[in-house]
Amino acid sequence: MGTAVAGMFAGMALAFAGWFGGFAAFLLVAALGGLGWAVGHWVDGGGRAQDLRDVFGRRRR
């Protein structure tokens, strides 16, 4: 699936959330979509679960 098609689906999801759920639902869908994009981008770049554990483990020390 190309980025244009993925963008179209994301826009449609935001439109439906805004229309049926109001502005709060729109913001929730946008935030979760952004989080999903970031995780997907990280995984595509070769990210591993061990990397996340290392990052959060360093913050506690």
PDB file of N, CA and C in Angstrom:
ATOM      1  N   MET A   1       0.856  -1.159   0.000  1.00  0.00           N
ATOM      2  CA  MET A   1       0.000   0.000   0.000  1.00  0.00           C
ATOM      3  C   MET A   1       0.906   1.228   0.000  1.00  0.00           C
ATOM      4  N   GLY A   2       0.604   2.161  -0.858  1.00  0.00           N
ATOM      5  CA  GLY A   2       1.391   3.380  -0.944  1.00  0.00           C
ATOM      6  C   GLY A   2       1.078   4.354   0.171  1.00  0.00           C
ATOM      7  N   THR A   3       1.936   5.339   0.314  1.00  0.00           N
ATOM      8  CA  THR A   3       1.727   6.319   1.381  1.00  0.00           C
ATOM      9  C   THR A   3       0.504   7.188   1.126  1.00  0.00           C
ATOM     10  N   ALA A   4       0.175   7.422  -0.154  1.00  0.00           N
ATOM     11  CA  ALA A   4      -1.017   8.219  -0.450  1.00  0.00           C
ATOM     12  C   ALA A   4      -2.287   7.498   0.001  1.00  0.00           C
ATOM     13  N   VAL A   5      -2.338   6.203  -0.223  1.00  0.00           N
ATOM     14  CA  VAL A   5      -3.511   5.420   0.179  1.00  0.00           C
ATOM     15  C   VAL A   5      -3.587   5.329   1.700  1.00  0.00           C
ATOM     16  N   ALA A   6      -2.439   5.125   2.342  1.00  0.00           N
ATOM     17  CA  ALA A   6      -2.427   5.079   3.807  1.00  0.00           C
ATOM     18  C   ALA A   6      -2.855   6.429   4.385  1.00  0.00           C
ATOM     19  N   GLY A   7      -2.412   7.513   3.791  1.00  0.00           N
ATOM     20  CA  GLY A   7      -2.824   8.846   4.233  1.00  0.00           C
ATOM     21  C   GLY A   7      -4.311   9.075   4.037  1.00  0.00           C
ATOM     22  N   MET A   8      -4.845   8.561   2.934  1.00  0.00           N
ATOM     23  CA  MET A   8      -6.273   8.688   2.688  1.00  0.00           C
ATOM     24  C   MET A   8      -7.073   7.949   3.755  1.00  0.00           C
ATOM     25  N   PHE A   9      -6.647   6.715   4.081  1.00  0.00           N
ATOM     26  CA  PHE A   9      -7.350   5.953   5.117  1.00  0.00           C
ATOM     27  C   PHE A   9      -7.245   6.640   6.482  1.00  0.00           C
ATOM     28  N   ALA A  10      -6.086   7.196   6.787  1.00  0.00           N
ATOM     29  CA  ALA A  10      -5.932   7.906   8.057  1.00  0.00           C
ATOM     30  C   ALA A  10      -6.842   9.127   8.099  1.00  0.00           C
ATOM     31  N   GLY A  11      -6.916   9.853   7.008  1.00  0.00           N
ATOM     32  CA  GLY A  11      -7.812  11.012   6.942  1.00  0.00           C
ATOM     33  C   GLY A  11      -9.271  10.629   7.085  1.00  0.00           C
ATOM     34  N   MET A  12      -9.644   9.522   6.465  1.00  0.00           N
ATOM     35  CA  MET A  12     -11.025   9.060   6.583  1.00  0.00           C
ATOM     36  C   MET A  12     -11.340   8.634   8.013  1.00  0.00           C
ATOM     37  N   ALA A  13     -10.399   7.970   8.667  1.00  0.00           N
ATOM     38  CA  ALA A  13     -10.614   7.556  10.058  1.00  0.00           C
ATOM     39  C   ALA A  13     -10.766   8.771  10.957  1.00  0.00           C
ATOM     40  N   LEU A  14      -9.943   9.794  10.730  1.00  0.00           N
ATOM     41  CA  LEU A  14     -10.061  11.016  11.527  1.00  0.00           C
ATOM     42  C   LEU A  14     -11.382  11.730  11.258  1.00  0.00           C
ATOM     43  N   ALA A  15     -11.804  11.723  10.014  1.00  0.00           N
ATOM     44  CA  ALA A  15     -13.079  12.376   9.674  1.00  0.00           C
ATOM     45  C   ALA A  15     -14.251  11.667  10.345  1.00  0.00           C
ATOM     46  N   PHE A  16     -14.262  10.333  10.293  1.00  0.00           N
ATOM     47  CA  PHE A  16     -15.338   9.595  10.951  1.00  0.00           C
ATOM     48  C   PHE A  16     -15.315   9.804  12.458  1.00  0.00           C
ATOM     49  N   ALA A  17     -14.127   9.815  13.048  1.00  0.00           N
ATOM     50  CA  ALA A  17     -14.037  10.032  14.493  1.00  0.00           C
ATOM     51  C   ALA A  17     -14.539  11.417  14.859  1.00  0.00           C
ATOM     52  N   GLY A  18     -14.168  12.409  14.074  1.00  0.00           N
ATOM     53  CA  GLY A  18     -14.627  13.763  14.351  1.00  0.00           C
ATOM     54  C   GLY A  18     -16.122  13.928  14.148  1.00  0.00           C
ATOM     55  N   TRP A  19     -16.663  13.291  13.131  1.00  0.00           N
ATOM     56  CA  TRP A  19     -18.084  13.428  12.825  1.00  0.00           C
ATOM     57  C   TRP A  19     -18.954  12.723  13.864  1.00  0.00           C
ATOM     58  N   PHE A  20     -18.606  11.489  14.200  1.00  0.00           N
ATOM     59  CA  PHE A  20     -19.454  10.698  15.085  1.00  0.00           C
ATOM     60  C   PHE A  20     -19.090  10.818  16.557  1.00  0.00           C
ATOM     61  N   GLY A  21     -17.841  11.115  16.869  1.00  0.00           N
ATOM     62  CA  GLY A  21     -17.426  11.120  18.260  1.00  0.00           C
ATOM     63  C   GLY A  21     -17.081  12.486  18.822  1.00  0.00           C
ATOM     64  N   GLY A  22     -17.002  13.486  17.977  1.00  0.00           N
ATOM     65  CA  GLY A  22     -16.662  14.816  18.451  1.00  0.00           C
ATOM     66  C   GLY A  22     -15.158  15.053  18.433  1.00  0.00           C
ATOM     67  N   PHE A  23     -14.788  16.207  18.943  1.00  0.00           N
ATOM     68  CA  PHE A  23     -13.396  16.641  18.881  1.00  0.00           C
ATOM     69  C   PHE A  23     -12.481  15.776  19.742  1.00  0.00           C
ATOM     70  N   ALA A  24     -12.953  15.315  20.892  1.00  0.00           N
ATOM     71  CA  ALA A  24     -12.129  14.467  21.759  1.00  0.00           C
ATOM     72  C   ALA A  24     -11.791  13.154  21.064  1.00  0.00           C
ATOM     73  N   ALA A  25     -12.758  12.557  20.376  1.00  0.00           N
ATOM     74  CA  ALA A  25     -12.499  11.320  19.636  1.00  0.00           C
ATOM     75  C   ALA A  25     -11.519  11.576  18.500  1.00  0.00           C
ATOM     76  N   PHE A  26     -11.649  12.734  17.840  1.00  0.00           N
ATOM     77  CA  PHE A  26     -10.718  13.110  16.778  1.00  0.00           C
ATOM     78  C   PHE A  26      -9.289  13.163  17.314  1.00  0.00           C
ATOM     79  N   LEU A  27      -9.105  13.805  18.469  1.00  0.00           N
ATOM     80  CA  LEU A  27      -7.763  13.904  19.051  1.00  0.00           C
ATOM     81  C   LEU A  27      -7.227  12.542  19.481  1.00  0.00           C
ATOM     82  N   LEU A  28      -8.087  11.701  20.037  1.00  0.00           N
ATOM     83  CA  LEU A  28      -7.663  10.360  20.449  1.00  0.00           C
ATOM     84  C   LEU A  28      -7.224   9.533  19.250  1.00  0.00           C
ATOM     85  N   VAL A  29      -7.993   9.564  18.171  1.00  0.00           N
ATOM     86  CA  VAL A  29      -7.629   8.812  16.969  1.00  0.00           C
ATOM     87  C   VAL A  29      -6.336   9.357  16.376  1.00  0.00           C
ATOM     88  N   ALA A  30      -6.173  10.666  16.372  1.00  0.00           N
ATOM     89  CA  ALA A  30      -4.949  11.258  15.837  1.00  0.00           C
ATOM     90  C   ALA A  30      -3.735  10.880  16.681  1.00  0.00           C
ATOM     91  N   ALA A  31      -3.870  10.898  17.999  1.00  0.00           N
ATOM     92  CA  ALA A  31      -2.749  10.556  18.881  1.00  0.00           C
ATOM     93  C   ALA A  31      -2.379   9.085  18.752  1.00  0.00           C
ATOM     94  N   LEU A  32      -3.361   8.205  18.736  1.00  0.00           N
ATOM     95  CA  LEU A  32      -3.080   6.780  18.596  1.00  0.00           C
ATOM     96  C   LEU A  32      -2.531   6.450  17.210  1.00  0.00           C
ATOM     97  N   GLY A  33      -3.002   7.152  16.199  1.00  0.00           N
ATOM     98  CA  GLY A  33      -2.450   6.964  14.862  1.00  0.00           C
ATOM     99  C   GLY A  33      -0.994   7.394  14.795  1.00  0.00           C
ATOM    100  N   GLY A  34      -0.659   8.509  15.429  1.00  0.00           N
ATOM    101  CA  GLY A  34       0.726   8.955  15.477  1.00  0.00           C
ATOM    102  C   GLY A  34       1.610   8.003  16.243  1.00  0.00           C
ATOM    103  N   LEU A  35       1.098   7.468  17.328  1.00  0.00           N
ATOM    104  CA  LEU A  35       1.850   6.484  18.100  1.00  0.00           C
ATOM    105  C   LEU A  35       2.069   5.208  17.288  1.00  0.00           C
ATOM    106  N   GLY A  36       1.047   4.768  16.592  1.00  0.00           N
ATOM    107  CA  GLY A  36       1.172   3.595  15.736  1.00  0.00           C
ATOM    108  C   GLY A  36       2.169   3.821  14.612  1.00  0.00           C
ATOM    109  N   TRP A  37       2.159   5.005  14.021  1.00  0.00           N
ATOM    110  CA  TRP A  37       3.130   5.325  12.976  1.00  0.00           C
ATOM    111  C   TRP A  37       4.551   5.289  13.535  1.00  0.00           C
ATOM    112  N   ALA A  38       4.752   5.871  14.713  1.00  0.00           N
ATOM    113  CA  ALA A  38       6.093   5.909  15.304  1.00  0.00           C
ATOM    114  C   ALA A  38       6.604   4.500  15.612  1.00  0.00           C
ATOM    115  N   VAL A  39       5.760   3.651  16.156  1.00  0.00           N
ATOM    116  CA  VAL A  39       6.166   2.273  16.458  1.00  0.00           C
ATOM    117  C   VAL A  39       6.457   1.511  15.173  1.00  0.00           C
ATOM    118  N   GLY A  40       5.616   1.667  14.168  1.00  0.00           N
ATOM    119  CA  GLY A  40       5.843   1.000  12.893  1.00  0.00           C
ATOM    120  C   GLY A  40       7.123   1.467  12.228  1.00  0.00           C
ATOM    121  N   HIS A  41       7.384   2.758  12.294  1.00  0.00           N
ATOM    122  CA  HIS A  41       8.615   3.308  11.717  1.00  0.00           C
ATOM    123  C   HIS A  41       9.834   2.766  12.460  1.00  0.00           C
ATOM    124  N   TRP A  42       9.730   2.661  13.765  1.00  0.00           N
ATOM    125  CA  TRP A  42      10.834   2.145  14.583  1.00  0.00           C
ATOM    126  C   TRP A  42      11.096   0.674  14.271  1.00  0.00           C
ATOM    127  N   VAL A  43      10.026  -0.125  14.131  1.00  0.00           N
ATOM    128  CA  VAL A  43      10.176  -1.550  13.839  1.00  0.00           C
ATOM    129  C   VAL A  43      10.757  -1.740  12.438  1.00  0.00           C
ATOM    130  N   ASP A  44      10.308  -0.946  11.469  1.00  0.00           N
ATOM    131  CA  ASP A  44      10.842  -1.041  10.112  1.00  0.00           C
ATOM    132  C   ASP A  44      12.325  -0.700  10.074  1.00  0.00           C
ATOM    133  N   GLY A  45      12.760   0.144  10.984  1.00  0.00           N
ATOM    134  CA  GLY A  45      14.166   0.528  11.035  1.00  0.00           C
ATOM    135  C   GLY A  45      15.039  -0.490  11.753  1.00  0.00           C
ATOM    136  N   GLY A  46      14.481  -1.589  12.180  1.00  0.00           N
ATOM    137  CA  GLY A  46      15.265  -2.632  12.835  1.00  0.00           C
ATOM    138  C   GLY A  46      15.225  -2.560  14.350  1.00  0.00           C
ATOM    139  N   GLY A  47      14.248  -1.867  14.904  1.00  0.00           N
ATOM    140  CA  GLY A  47      14.130  -1.768  16.354  1.00  0.00           C
ATOM    141  C   GLY A  47      13.788  -3.105  16.986  1.00  0.00           C
ATOM    142  N   ARG A  48      14.253  -3.283  18.220  1.00  0.00           N
ATOM    143  CA  ARG A  48      13.981  -4.516  18.959  1.00  0.00           C
ATOM    144  C   ARG A  48      13.411  -4.156  20.325  1.00  0.00           C
ATOM    145  N   ALA A  49      12.710  -5.097  20.932  1.00  0.00           N
ATOM    146  CA  ALA A  49      12.151  -4.875  22.263  1.00  0.00           C
ATOM    147  C   ALA A  49      13.265  -4.661  23.287  1.00  0.00           C
ATOM    148  N   GLN A  50      14.390  -5.287  23.090  1.00  0.00           N
ATOM    149  CA  GLN A  50      15.541  -5.123  23.994  1.00  0.00           C
ATOM    150  C   GLN A  50      16.002  -3.662  24.021  1.00  0.00           C
ATOM    151  N   ASP A  51      15.924  -2.988  22.883  1.00  0.00           N
ATOM    152  CA  ASP A  51      16.316  -1.576  22.823  1.00  0.00           C
ATOM    153  C   ASP A  51      15.449  -0.722  23.742  1.00  0.00           C
ATOM    154  N   LEU A  52      14.150  -0.979  23.741  1.00  0.00           N
ATOM    155  CA  LEU A  52      13.244  -0.212  24.608  1.00  0.00           C
ATOM    156  C   LEU A  52      13.539  -0.480  26.078  1.00  0.00           C
ATOM    157  N   ARG A  53      13.786  -1.731  26.406  1.00  0.00           N
ATOM    158  CA  ARG A  53      14.095  -2.070  27.795  1.00  0.00           C
ATOM    159  C   ARG A  53      15.365  -1.372  28.255  1.00  0.00           C
ATOM    160  N   ASP A  54      16.347  -1.302  27.378  1.00  0.00           N
ATOM    161  CA  ASP A  54      17.597  -0.624  27.713  1.00  0.00           C
ATOM    162  C   ASP A  54      17.376   0.869  27.943  1.00  0.00           C
ATOM    163  N   VAL A  55      16.547   1.497  27.115  1.00  0.00           N
ATOM    164  CA  VAL A  55      16.283   2.929  27.257  1.00  0.00           C
ATOM    165  C   VAL A  55      15.595   3.225  28.577  1.00  0.00           C
ATOM    166  N   PHE A  56      14.559   2.450  28.917  1.00  0.00           N
ATOM    167  CA  PHE A  56      13.835   2.699  30.149  1.00  0.00           C
ATOM    168  C   PHE A  56      14.652   2.280  31.376  1.00  0.00           C
ATOM    169  N   GLY A  57      15.519   1.305  31.232  1.00  0.00           N
ATOM    170  CA  GLY A  57      16.373   0.890  32.338  1.00  0.00           C
ATOM    171  C   GLY A  57      17.419   1.933  32.684  1.00  0.00           C
ATOM    172  N   ARG A  58      17.906   2.646  31.705  1.00  0.00           N
ATOM    173  CA  ARG A  58      18.898   3.698  31.944  1.00  0.00           C
ATOM    174  C   ARG A  58      18.287   4.894  32.665  1.00  0.00           C
ATOM    175  N   ARG A  59      17.030   5.171  32.425  1.00  0.00           N
ATOM    176  CA  ARG A  59      16.377   6.330  33.046  1.00  0.00           C
ATOM    177  C   ARG A  59      16.198   6.155  34.543  1.00  0.00           C
ATOM    178  N   ARG A  60      16.063   4.929  34.995  1.00  0.00           N
ATOM    179  CA  ARG A  60      15.847   4.680  36.424  1.00  0.00           C
ATOM    180  C   ARG A  60      17.108   4.848  37.234  1.00  0.00           C
ATOM    181  N   ARG A  61      18.232   4.703  36.625  1.00  0.00           N
ATOM    182  CA  ARG A  61      19.492   4.762  37.368  1.00  0.00           C
ATOM    183  C   ARG A  61      19.909   6.149  37.677  1.00  0.00           C
TER     184      ARG A  61
END
